[in-house]
PDB file of N, CA and C in Angstrom:
ATOM      1  N   UNK A   1      11.945 -13.092  13.813  1.00  0.00           N
ATOM      2  CA  UNK A   1      10.563 -12.741  13.500  1.00  0.00           C
ATOM      3  C   UNK A   1      10.271 -13.179  12.061  1.00  0.00           C
ATOM      4  N   UNK A   2       9.245 -13.965  11.892  1.00  0.00           N
ATOM      5  CA  UNK A   2       8.922 -14.463  10.563  1.00  0.00           C
ATOM      6  C   UNK A   2       8.202 -13.419   9.740  1.00  0.00           C
ATOM      7  N   UNK A   3       8.234 -13.629   8.451  1.00  0.00           N
ATOM      8  CA  UNK A   3       7.563 -12.701   7.535  1.00  0.00           C
ATOM      9  C   UNK A   3       6.050 -12.699   7.746  1.00  0.00           C
ATOM     10  N   UNK A   4       5.505 -13.853   8.051  1.00  0.00           N
ATOM     11  CA  UNK A   4       4.056 -13.938   8.263  1.00  0.00           C
ATOM     12  C   UNK A   4       3.653 -13.137   9.488  1.00  0.00           C
ATOM     13  N   UNK A   5       4.460 -13.224  10.540  1.00  0.00           N
ATOM     14  CA  UNK A   5       4.191 -12.439  11.747  1.00  0.00           C
ATOM     15  C   UNK A   5       4.277 -10.950  11.438  1.00  0.00           C
ATOM     16  N   UNK A   6       5.272 -10.552  10.658  1.00  0.00           N
ATOM     17  CA  UNK A   6       5.408  -9.142  10.274  1.00  0.00           C
ATOM     18  C   UNK A   6       4.199  -8.698   9.465  1.00  0.00           C
ATOM     19  N   UNK A   7       3.721  -9.567   8.591  1.00  0.00           N
ATOM     20  CA  UNK A   7       2.553  -9.251   7.774  1.00  0.00           C
ATOM     21  C   UNK A   7       1.324  -9.033   8.654  1.00  0.00           C
ATOM     22  N   UNK A   8       1.132  -9.888   9.641  1.00  0.00           N
ATOM     23  CA  UNK A   8      -0.019  -9.734  10.549  1.00  0.00           C
ATOM     24  C   UNK A   8       0.099  -8.454  11.372  1.00  0.00           C
ATOM     25  N   UNK A   9       1.298  -8.154  11.825  1.00  0.00           N
ATOM     26  CA  UNK A   9       1.510  -6.938  12.612  1.00  0.00           C
ATOM     27  C   UNK A   9       1.259  -5.688  11.767  1.00  0.00           C
ATOM     28  N   UNK A  10       1.729  -5.699  10.533  1.00  0.00           N
ATOM     29  CA  UNK A  10       1.519  -4.573   9.627  1.00  0.00           C
ATOM     30  C   UNK A  10       0.038  -4.414   9.307  1.00  0.00           C
ATOM     31  N   UNK A  11      -0.666  -5.531   9.133  1.00  0.00           N
ATOM     32  CA  UNK A  11      -2.107  -5.503   8.871  1.00  0.00           C
ATOM     33  C   UNK A  11      -2.854  -4.873  10.039  1.00  0.00           C
ATOM     34  N   UNK A  12      -2.478  -5.252  11.248  1.00  0.00           N
ATOM     35  CA  UNK A  12      -3.115  -4.692  12.449  1.00  0.00           C
ATOM     36  C   UNK A  12      -2.850  -3.186  12.536  1.00  0.00           C
ATOM     37  N   UNK A  13      -1.614  -2.781  12.242  1.00  0.00           N
ATOM     38  CA  UNK A  13      -1.261  -1.362  12.251  1.00  0.00           C
ATOM     39  C   UNK A  13      -2.098  -0.589  11.224  1.00  0.00           C
ATOM     40  N   UNK A  14      -2.215  -1.123  10.019  1.00  0.00           N
ATOM     41  CA  UNK A  14      -2.983  -0.444   8.976  1.00  0.00           C
ATOM     42  C   UNK A  14      -4.460  -0.343   9.342  1.00  0.00           C
ATOM     43  N   UNK A  15      -5.019  -1.390   9.942  1.00  0.00           N
ATOM     44  CA  UNK A  15      -6.428  -1.350  10.348  1.00  0.00           C
ATOM     45  C   UNK A  15      -6.669  -0.258  11.382  1.00  0.00           C
ATOM     46  N   UNK A  16      -5.758  -0.158  12.341  1.00  0.00           N
ATOM     47  CA  UNK A  16      -5.887   0.872  13.379  1.00  0.00           C
ATOM     48  C   UNK A  16      -5.743   2.270  12.780  1.00  0.00           C
ATOM     49  N   UNK A  17      -4.773   2.428  11.890  1.00  0.00           N
ATOM     50  CA  UNK A  17      -4.543   3.726  11.232  1.00  0.00           C
ATOM     51  C   UNK A  17      -5.767   4.125  10.412  1.00  0.00           C
ATOM     52  N   UNK A  18      -6.334   3.173   9.674  1.00  0.00           N
ATOM     53  CA  UNK A  18      -7.514   3.441   8.860  1.00  0.00           C
ATOM     54  C   UNK A  18      -8.684   3.886   9.726  1.00  0.00           C
ATOM     55  N   UNK A  19      -8.891   3.165  10.827  1.00  0.00           N
ATOM     56  CA  UNK A  19     -10.003   3.499  11.730  1.00  0.00           C
ATOM     57  C   UNK A  19      -9.851   4.915  12.273  1.00  0.00           C
ATOM     58  N   UNK A  20      -8.635   5.284  12.670  1.00  0.00           N
ATOM     59  CA  UNK A  20      -8.404   6.616  13.210  1.00  0.00           C
ATOM     60  C   UNK A  20      -8.612   7.702  12.157  1.00  0.00           C
ATOM     61  N   UNK A  21      -8.164   7.454  10.935  1.00  0.00           N
ATOM     62  CA  UNK A  21      -8.321   8.450   9.874  1.00  0.00           C
ATOM     63  C   UNK A  21      -9.791   8.656   9.502  1.00  0.00           C
ATOM     64  N   UNK A  22     -10.545   7.577   9.454  1.00  0.00           N
ATOM     65  CA  UNK A  22     -11.979   7.699   9.142  1.00  0.00           C
ATOM     66  C   UNK A  22     -12.690   8.447  10.262  1.00  0.00           C
ATOM     67  N   UNK A  23     -12.327   8.136  11.483  1.00  0.00           N
ATOM     68  CA  UNK A  23     -12.922   8.834  12.627  1.00  0.00           C
ATOM     69  C   UNK A  23     -12.598  10.323  12.577  1.00  0.00           C
ATOM     70  N   UNK A  24     -11.355  10.647  12.265  1.00  0.00           N
ATOM     71  CA  UNK A  24     -10.943  12.045  12.170  1.00  0.00           C
ATOM     72  C   UNK A  24     -11.683  12.756  11.038  1.00  0.00           C
ATOM     73  N   UNK A  25     -11.857  12.070   9.907  1.00  0.00           N
ATOM     74  CA  UNK A  25     -12.584  12.663   8.778  1.00  0.00           C
ATOM     75  C   UNK A  25     -14.027  12.959   9.171  1.00  0.00           C
ATOM     76  N   UNK A  26     -14.645  12.060   9.910  1.00  0.00           N
ATOM     77  CA  UNK A  26     -16.026  12.286  10.345  1.00  0.00           C
ATOM     78  C   UNK A  26     -16.115  13.402  11.381  1.00  0.00           C
ATOM     79  N   UNK A  27     -15.113  13.507  12.235  1.00  0.00           N
ATOM     80  CA  UNK A  27     -15.117  14.564  13.247  1.00  0.00           C
ATOM     81  C   UNK A  27     -15.004  15.951  12.613  1.00  0.00           C
ATOM     82  N   UNK A  28     -14.196  16.060  11.577  1.00  0.00           N
ATOM     83  CA  UNK A  28     -13.969  17.361  10.935  1.00  0.00           C
ATOM     84  C   UNK A  28     -14.994  17.684   9.852  1.00  0.00           C
ATOM     85  N   UNK A  29     -15.932  16.795   9.611  1.00  0.00           N
ATOM     86  CA  UNK A  29     -16.854  16.956   8.482  1.00  0.00           C
ATOM     87  C   UNK A  29     -17.569  18.309   8.495  1.00  0.00           C
ATOM     88  N   UNK A  30     -17.983  18.765   9.661  1.00  0.00           N
ATOM     89  CA  UNK A  30     -18.765  20.003   9.733  1.00  0.00           C
ATOM     90  C   UNK A  30     -17.931  21.204  10.167  1.00  0.00           C
ATOM     91  N   UNK A  31     -16.720  20.959  10.664  1.00  0.00           N
ATOM     92  CA  UNK A  31     -15.874  22.061  11.125  1.00  0.00           C
ATOM     93  C   UNK A  31     -14.962  22.583  10.028  1.00  0.00           C
ATOM     94  N   UNK A  32     -14.211  21.683   9.417  1.00  0.00           N
ATOM     95  CA  UNK A  32     -13.230  22.082   8.417  1.00  0.00           C
ATOM     96  C   UNK A  32     -13.217  21.050   7.297  1.00  0.00           C
ATOM     97  N   UNK A  33     -13.808  21.424   6.160  1.00  0.00           N
ATOM     98  CA  UNK A  33     -13.929  20.489   5.047  1.00  0.00           C
ATOM     99  C   UNK A  33     -12.580  20.050   4.506  1.00  0.00           C
ATOM    100  N   UNK A  34     -11.626  20.945   4.493  1.00  0.00           N
ATOM    101  CA  UNK A  34     -10.304  20.636   3.954  1.00  0.00           C
ATOM    102  C   UNK A  34      -9.633  19.530   4.770  1.00  0.00           C
ATOM    103  N   UNK A  35      -9.677  19.649   6.080  1.00  0.00           N
ATOM    104  CA  UNK A  35      -9.078  18.628   6.951  1.00  0.00           C
ATOM    105  C   UNK A  35      -9.824  17.309   6.801  1.00  0.00           C
ATOM    106  N   UNK A  36     -11.128  17.383   6.678  1.00  0.00           N
ATOM    107  CA  UNK A  36     -11.933  16.182   6.511  1.00  0.00           C
ATOM    108  C   UNK A  36     -11.571  15.469   5.209  1.00  0.00           C
ATOM    109  N   UNK A  37     -11.459  16.223   4.125  1.00  0.00           N
ATOM    110  CA  UNK A  37     -11.122  15.636   2.831  1.00  0.00           C
ATOM    111  C   UNK A  37      -9.720  15.036   2.847  1.00  0.00           C
ATOM    112  N   UNK A  38      -8.795  15.717   3.496  1.00  0.00           N
ATOM    113  CA  UNK A  38      -7.420  15.226   3.573  1.00  0.00           C
ATOM    114  C   UNK A  38      -7.367  13.913   4.359  1.00  0.00           C
ATOM    115  N   UNK A  39      -8.077  13.850   5.455  1.00  0.00           N
ATOM    116  CA  UNK A  39      -8.109  12.625   6.257  1.00  0.00           C
ATOM    117  C   UNK A  39      -8.793  11.497   5.487  1.00  0.00           C
ATOM    118  N   UNK A  40      -9.843  11.813   4.773  1.00  0.00           N
ATOM    119  CA  UNK A  40     -10.539  10.797   3.988  1.00  0.00           C
ATOM    120  C   UNK A  40      -9.642  10.274   2.867  1.00  0.00           C
ATOM    121  N   UNK A  41      -8.882  11.161   2.239  1.00  0.00           N
ATOM    122  CA  UNK A  41      -7.963  10.744   1.183  1.00  0.00           C
ATOM    123  C   UNK A  41      -6.871   9.835   1.736  1.00  0.00           C
ATOM    124  N   UNK A  42      -6.311  10.213   2.884  1.00  0.00           N
ATOM    125  CA  UNK A  42      -5.288   9.374   3.516  1.00  0.00           C
ATOM    126  C   UNK A  42      -5.879   8.021   3.892  1.00  0.00           C
ATOM    127  N   UNK A  43      -7.118   8.020   4.361  1.00  0.00           N
ATOM    128  CA  UNK A  43      -7.781   6.767   4.729  1.00  0.00           C
ATOM    129  C   UNK A  43      -7.957   5.877   3.500  1.00  0.00           C
ATOM    130  N   UNK A  44      -8.283   6.465   2.359  1.00  0.00           N
ATOM    131  CA  UNK A  44      -8.415   5.684   1.137  1.00  0.00           C
ATOM    132  C   UNK A  44      -7.084   5.060   0.740  1.00  0.00           C
ATOM    133  N   UNK A  45      -6.002   5.807   0.897  1.00  0.00           N
ATOM    134  CA  UNK A  45      -4.680   5.266   0.566  1.00  0.00           C
ATOM    135  C   UNK A  45      -4.289   4.135   1.509  1.00  0.00           C
ATOM    136  N   UNK A  46      -4.605   4.293   2.787  1.00  0.00           N
ATOM    137  CA  UNK A  46      -4.313   3.238   3.761  1.00  0.00           C
ATOM    138  C   UNK A  46      -5.170   2.006   3.462  1.00  0.00           C
ATOM    139  N   UNK A  47      -6.417   2.222   3.054  1.00  0.00           N
ATOM    140  CA  UNK A  47      -7.294   1.104   2.721  1.00  0.00           C
ATOM    141  C   UNK A  47      -6.761   0.327   1.523  1.00  0.00           C
ATOM    142  N   UNK A  48      -6.180   1.034   0.554  1.00  0.00           N
ATOM    143  CA  UNK A  48      -5.549   0.370  -0.589  1.00  0.00           C
ATOM    144  C   UNK A  48      -4.436  -0.559  -0.124  1.00  0.00           C
ATOM    145  N   UNK A  49      -3.580  -0.051   0.746  1.00  0.00           N
ATOM    146  CA  UNK A  49      -2.478  -0.856   1.283  1.00  0.00           C
ATOM    147  C   UNK A  49      -3.024  -2.032   2.081  1.00  0.00           C
ATOM    148  N   UNK A  50      -4.067  -1.779   2.852  1.00  0.00           N
ATOM    149  CA  UNK A  50      -4.666  -2.830   3.671  1.00  0.00           C
ATOM    150  C   UNK A  50      -5.232  -3.943   2.797  1.00  0.00           C
ATOM    151  N   UNK A  51      -5.862  -3.586   1.700  1.00  0.00           N
ATOM    152  CA  UNK A  51      -6.393  -4.600   0.785  1.00  0.00           C
ATOM    153  C   UNK A  51      -5.275  -5.431   0.174  1.00  0.00           C
ATOM    154  N   UNK A  52      -4.156  -4.803  -0.149  1.00  0.00           N
ATOM    155  CA  UNK A  52      -3.012  -5.550  -0.681  1.00  0.00           C
ATOM    156  C   UNK A  52      -2.481  -6.533   0.358  1.00  0.00           C
ATOM    157  N   UNK A  53      -2.369  -6.070   1.585  1.00  0.00           N
ATOM    158  CA  UNK A  53      -1.863  -6.929   2.656  1.00  0.00           C
ATOM    159  C   UNK A  53      -2.829  -8.074   2.916  1.00  0.00           C
ATOM    160  N   UNK A  54      -4.127  -7.798   2.889  1.00  0.00           N
ATOM    161  CA  UNK A  54      -5.108  -8.859   3.086  1.00  0.00           C
ATOM    162  C   UNK A  54      -5.009  -9.900   1.969  1.00  0.00           C
ATOM    163  N   UNK A  55      -4.768  -9.459   0.752  1.00  0.00           N
ATOM    164  CA  UNK A  55      -4.603 -10.386  -0.363  1.00  0.00           C
ATOM    165  C   UNK A  55      -3.377 -11.262  -0.139  1.00  0.00           C
ATOM    166  N   UNK A  56      -2.270 -10.657   0.273  1.00  0.00           N
ATOM    167  CA  UNK A  56      -1.060 -11.427   0.548  1.00  0.00           C
ATOM    168  C   UNK A  56      -1.264 -12.392   1.704  1.00  0.00           C
ATOM    169  N   UNK A  57      -1.979 -11.935   2.722  1.00  0.00           N
ATOM    170  CA  UNK A  57      -2.249 -12.778   3.877  1.00  0.00           C
ATOM    171  C   UNK A  57      -3.094 -13.981   3.475  1.00  0.00           C
ATOM    172  N   UNK A  58      -4.083 -13.736   2.639  1.00  0.00           N
ATOM    173  CA  UNK A  58      -4.940 -14.828   2.165  1.00  0.00           C
ATOM    174  C   UNK A  58      -4.109 -15.804   1.331  1.00  0.00           C
ATOM    175  N   UNK A  59      -3.219 -15.253   0.526  1.00  0.00           N
ATOM    176  CA  UNK A  59      -2.373 -16.079  -0.334  1.00  0.00           C
ATOM    177  C   UNK A  59      -1.417 -16.933   0.496  1.00  0.00           C
ATOM    178  N   UNK A  60      -0.853 -16.362   1.559  1.00  0.00           N
ATOM    179  CA  UNK A  60       0.076 -17.126   2.405  1.00  0.00           C
ATOM    180  C   UNK A  60      -0.663 -18.168   3.227  1.00  0.00           C
ATOM    181  N   UNK A  61      -1.868 -17.871   3.651  1.00  0.00           N
ATOM    182  CA  UNK A  61      -2.611 -18.848   4.451  1.00  0.00           C
ATOM    183  C   UNK A  61      -3.010 -20.045   3.584  1.00  0.00           C
ATOM    184  N   UNK A  62      -3.272 -19.816   2.297  1.00  0.00           N
ATOM    185  CA  UNK A  62      -3.585 -20.923   1.383  1.00  0.00           C
ATOM    186  C   UNK A  62      -2.340 -21.759   1.105  1.00  0.00           C
ATOM    187  N   UNK A  63      -1.173 -21.132   1.063  1.00  0.00           N
ATOM    188  CA  UNK A  63       0.063 -21.854   0.783  1.00  0.00           C
ATOM    189  C   UNK A  63       0.468 -22.735   1.966  1.00  0.00           C
ATOM    190  N   UNK A  64       0.140 -22.301   3.159  1.00  0.00           N
ATOM    191  CA  UNK A  64       0.505 -23.061   4.358  1.00  0.00           C
ATOM    192  C   UNK A  64      -0.338 -24.329   4.459  1.00  0.00           C
ATOM    193  N   UNK A  65      -1.607 -24.247   4.089  1.00  0.00           N
ATOM    194  CA  UNK A  65      -2.502 -25.400   4.201  1.00  0.00           C
ATOM    195  C   UNK A  65      -2.184 -26.360   3.138  1.00  0.00           C
TER     196      UNK A  65
END
């Protein structure tokens, strides 16, 4: 398994995780503020990682061309 393939797989995993956390934060918005805030915070951390991976992915795609 190549590193580029692993990078794409990790990116897909992070995107799915981010989507689920944002959805969970929106679901809990009116029921339990604490759970909503916790999910939103986790989503922000996942988004940070996702942005790093996207930067690396962009960098590797430029190196290949």
